[in-house]
Amino acid sequence: MFAQTVKDIIEDNKNNGRVINQKDLAEILGMTKQSFSNKMQRDTFTVADVVKIADYLGMQLILKGENDYIIK
């Protein structure tokens, strides 16, 4: 589920002139590009992974439901 979001973010940033690739994201997660690629294929991101990626990209996580929560 989150792997597709990562792909979309990479593509959106590419269209806006900012190059972000899997190698960059692997480095911020402290893993090799191959390990990150495996994580993408298996879609096995942890909450900690998502928070680190969002922080690196200057994004906020929003939990949607009856009440909305923003994770900063």
N, C-alpha and C. Protein backbone atom coordinates (compact mmCIF):
# COMPACT_ATOMS: atom_id res chain seq x y z
N MET A 1 0.82 -1.19 0.00
CA MET A 1 0.00 0.00 0.00
C MET A 1 0.87 1.26 0.00
N PHE A 2 1.86 1.35 0.88
CA PHE A 2 2.69 2.55 0.93
C PHE A 2 3.68 2.60 -0.22
N ALA A 3 4.05 1.43 -0.76
CA ALA A 3 5.01 1.40 -1.88
C ALA A 3 4.49 2.21 -3.06
N GLN A 4 3.21 2.11 -3.36
CA GLN A 4 2.64 2.89 -4.46
C GLN A 4 2.70 4.38 -4.15
N THR A 5 2.48 4.75 -2.90
CA THR A 5 2.59 6.15 -2.51
C THR A 5 4.01 6.65 -2.71
N VAL A 6 5.01 5.84 -2.36
CA VAL A 6 6.41 6.22 -2.58
C VAL A 6 6.67 6.43 -4.06
N LYS A 7 6.18 5.53 -4.90
CA LYS A 7 6.35 5.68 -6.35
C LYS A 7 5.72 6.97 -6.84
N ASP A 8 4.52 7.27 -6.35
CA ASP A 8 3.83 8.51 -6.74
C ASP A 8 4.61 9.74 -6.30
N ILE A 9 5.15 9.72 -5.08
CA ILE A 9 5.92 10.85 -4.57
C ILE A 9 7.17 11.07 -5.41
N ILE A 10 7.87 9.98 -5.74
CA ILE A 10 9.07 10.09 -6.59
C ILE A 10 8.70 10.71 -7.92
N GLU A 11 7.62 10.25 -8.53
CA GLU A 11 7.20 10.76 -9.83
C GLU A 11 6.76 12.22 -9.74
N ASP A 12 5.98 12.57 -8.72
CA ASP A 12 5.53 13.96 -8.55
C ASP A 12 6.71 14.91 -8.39
N ASN A 13 7.69 14.50 -7.59
CA ASN A 13 8.87 15.35 -7.39
C ASN A 13 9.69 15.47 -8.66
N LYS A 14 9.76 14.40 -9.44
CA LYS A 14 10.48 14.44 -10.71
C LYS A 14 9.82 15.46 -11.64
N ASN A 15 8.49 15.46 -11.66
CA ASN A 15 7.75 16.40 -12.50
C ASN A 15 7.92 17.84 -12.04
N ASN A 16 8.24 18.03 -10.75
CA ASN A 16 8.44 19.37 -10.20
C ASN A 16 9.92 19.77 -10.16
N GLY A 17 10.77 18.98 -10.79
CA GLY A 17 12.19 19.33 -10.90
C GLY A 17 13.06 18.87 -9.75
N ARG A 18 12.52 18.16 -8.78
CA ARG A 18 13.32 17.66 -7.66
C ARG A 18 13.53 16.16 -7.86
N VAL A 19 14.77 15.77 -7.98
CA VAL A 19 15.06 14.36 -8.23
C VAL A 19 15.23 13.63 -6.89
N ILE A 20 14.33 12.72 -6.63
CA ILE A 20 14.41 11.85 -5.46
C ILE A 20 14.37 10.44 -6.01
N ASN A 21 15.30 9.61 -5.57
CA ASN A 21 15.29 8.25 -6.08
C ASN A 21 15.34 7.25 -4.92
N GLN A 22 15.25 5.98 -5.28
CA GLN A 22 15.23 4.95 -4.25
C GLN A 22 16.53 4.93 -3.45
N LYS A 23 17.64 5.28 -4.08
CA LYS A 23 18.93 5.31 -3.37
C LYS A 23 18.89 6.35 -2.25
N ASP A 24 18.34 7.54 -2.54
CA ASP A 24 18.22 8.58 -1.51
C ASP A 24 17.37 8.11 -0.34
N LEU A 25 16.23 7.51 -0.67
CA LEU A 25 15.32 7.05 0.38
C LEU A 25 15.93 5.89 1.17
N ALA A 26 16.67 5.02 0.49
CA ALA A 26 17.36 3.93 1.18
C ALA A 26 18.35 4.48 2.20
N GLU A 27 19.08 5.52 1.80
CA GLU A 27 20.07 6.11 2.70
C GLU A 27 19.43 6.70 3.95
N ILE A 28 18.30 7.38 3.80
CA ILE A 28 17.67 7.97 4.99
C ILE A 28 17.09 6.91 5.91
N LEU A 29 16.80 5.73 5.35
CA LEU A 29 16.31 4.63 6.18
C LEU A 29 17.45 3.76 6.70
N GLY A 30 18.69 4.10 6.29
CA GLY A 30 19.85 3.36 6.78
C GLY A 30 19.97 1.96 6.20
N MET A 31 19.61 1.81 4.93
CA MET A 31 19.70 0.50 4.29
C MET A 31 20.27 0.63 2.89
N THR A 32 20.58 -0.50 2.30
CA THR A 32 21.10 -0.48 0.93
C THR A 32 19.97 -0.25 -0.06
N LYS A 33 20.34 0.13 -1.27
CA LYS A 33 19.35 0.31 -2.32
C LYS A 33 18.61 -1.00 -2.59
N GLN A 34 19.33 -2.13 -2.54
CA GLN A 34 18.71 -3.43 -2.77
C GLN A 34 17.69 -3.76 -1.67
N SER A 35 18.03 -3.47 -0.42
CA SER A 35 17.09 -3.71 0.68
C SER A 35 15.85 -2.84 0.52
N PHE A 36 16.06 -1.59 0.10
CA PHE A 36 14.92 -0.70 -0.12
C PHE A 36 14.06 -1.22 -1.27
N SER A 37 14.70 -1.69 -2.33
CA SER A 37 13.97 -2.25 -3.46
C SER A 37 13.13 -3.45 -3.02
N ASN A 38 13.70 -4.30 -2.18
CA ASN A 38 12.94 -5.44 -1.64
C ASN A 38 11.75 -4.96 -0.81
N LYS A 39 11.97 -3.92 -0.02
CA LYS A 39 10.89 -3.36 0.80
C LYS A 39 9.77 -2.82 -0.09
N MET A 40 10.16 -2.20 -1.22
CA MET A 40 9.17 -1.69 -2.17
C MET A 40 8.37 -2.84 -2.79
N GLN A 41 9.07 -3.89 -3.20
CA GLN A 41 8.40 -5.03 -3.85
C GLN A 41 7.45 -5.74 -2.90
N ARG A 42 7.86 -5.85 -1.64
CA ARG A 42 7.05 -6.58 -0.66
C ARG A 42 6.07 -5.67 0.07
N ASP A 43 6.27 -4.35 -0.10
CA ASP A 43 5.44 -3.35 0.58
C ASP A 43 5.44 -3.59 2.09
N THR A 44 6.64 -3.62 2.66
CA THR A 44 6.80 -3.93 4.08
C THR A 44 7.35 -2.74 4.87
N PHE A 45 6.84 -1.56 4.59
CA PHE A 45 7.28 -0.36 5.31
C PHE A 45 6.70 -0.35 6.71
N THR A 46 7.52 0.04 7.68
CA THR A 46 7.05 0.21 9.05
C THR A 46 6.58 1.65 9.23
N VAL A 47 5.91 1.90 10.31
CA VAL A 47 5.49 3.27 10.62
C VAL A 47 6.73 4.16 10.75
N ALA A 48 7.78 3.65 11.36
CA ALA A 48 9.03 4.42 11.50
C ALA A 48 9.60 4.78 10.13
N ASP A 49 9.54 3.85 9.17
CA ASP A 49 10.01 4.13 7.81
C ASP A 49 9.21 5.27 7.20
N VAL A 50 7.90 5.20 7.33
CA VAL A 50 7.02 6.21 6.75
C VAL A 50 7.29 7.58 7.36
N VAL A 51 7.48 7.62 8.67
CA VAL A 51 7.77 8.89 9.35
C VAL A 51 9.10 9.47 8.87
N LYS A 52 10.13 8.64 8.73
CA LYS A 52 11.43 9.12 8.25
C LYS A 52 11.34 9.67 6.83
N ILE A 53 10.62 8.96 5.97
CA ILE A 53 10.47 9.41 4.58
C ILE A 53 9.70 10.72 4.54
N ALA A 54 8.62 10.82 5.29
CA ALA A 54 7.83 12.05 5.32
C ALA A 54 8.67 13.21 5.83
N ASP A 55 9.45 12.98 6.87
CA ASP A 55 10.31 14.03 7.42
C ASP A 55 11.33 14.49 6.38
N TYR A 56 11.96 13.56 5.70
CA TYR A 56 12.95 13.88 4.66
C TYR A 56 12.34 14.72 3.55
N LEU A 57 11.10 14.42 3.21
CA LEU A 57 10.43 15.12 2.12
C LEU A 57 9.72 16.40 2.57
N GLY A 58 9.76 16.68 3.87
CA GLY A 58 9.08 17.87 4.38
C GLY A 58 7.57 17.73 4.34
N MET A 59 7.09 16.51 4.53
CA MET A 59 5.65 16.24 4.47
C MET A 59 5.14 15.90 5.86
N GLN A 60 3.82 15.94 6.00
CA GLN A 60 3.17 15.55 7.24
C GLN A 60 2.34 14.30 6.98
N LEU A 61 2.22 13.47 7.99
CA LEU A 61 1.33 12.32 7.91
C LEU A 61 -0.01 12.71 8.50
N ILE A 62 -1.06 12.36 7.82
CA ILE A 62 -2.40 12.66 8.30
C ILE A 62 -3.18 11.36 8.41
N LEU A 63 -3.69 11.09 9.59
CA LEU A 63 -4.54 9.92 9.80
C LEU A 63 -5.98 10.37 9.62
N LYS A 64 -6.64 9.77 8.64
CA LYS A 64 -8.01 10.17 8.32
C LYS A 64 -8.99 9.20 8.96
N GLY A 65 -10.05 9.75 9.46
CA GLY A 65 -11.09 8.94 10.05
C GLY A 65 -12.21 9.87 10.48
N GLU A 66 -12.95 9.44 11.47
CA GLU A 66 -14.00 10.30 12.01
C GLU A 66 -13.38 11.61 12.48
N ASN A 67 -12.22 11.51 13.09
CA ASN A 67 -11.41 12.67 13.45
C ASN A 67 -10.10 12.56 12.68
N ASP A 68 -9.55 13.68 12.26
CA ASP A 68 -8.28 13.68 11.54
C ASP A 68 -7.15 14.01 12.51
N TYR A 69 -6.03 13.33 12.34
CA TYR A 69 -4.87 13.56 13.18
C TYR A 69 -3.67 13.81 12.29
N ILE A 70 -2.87 14.82 12.62
CA ILE A 70 -1.66 15.13 11.87
C ILE A 70 -0.47 14.71 12.70
N ILE A 71 0.41 13.93 12.10
CA ILE A 71 1.63 13.49 12.78
C ILE A 71 2.75 14.39 12.31
N LYS A 72 3.36 15.11 13.24
CA LYS A 72 4.43 16.05 12.87
C LYS A 72 5.76 15.54 13.33
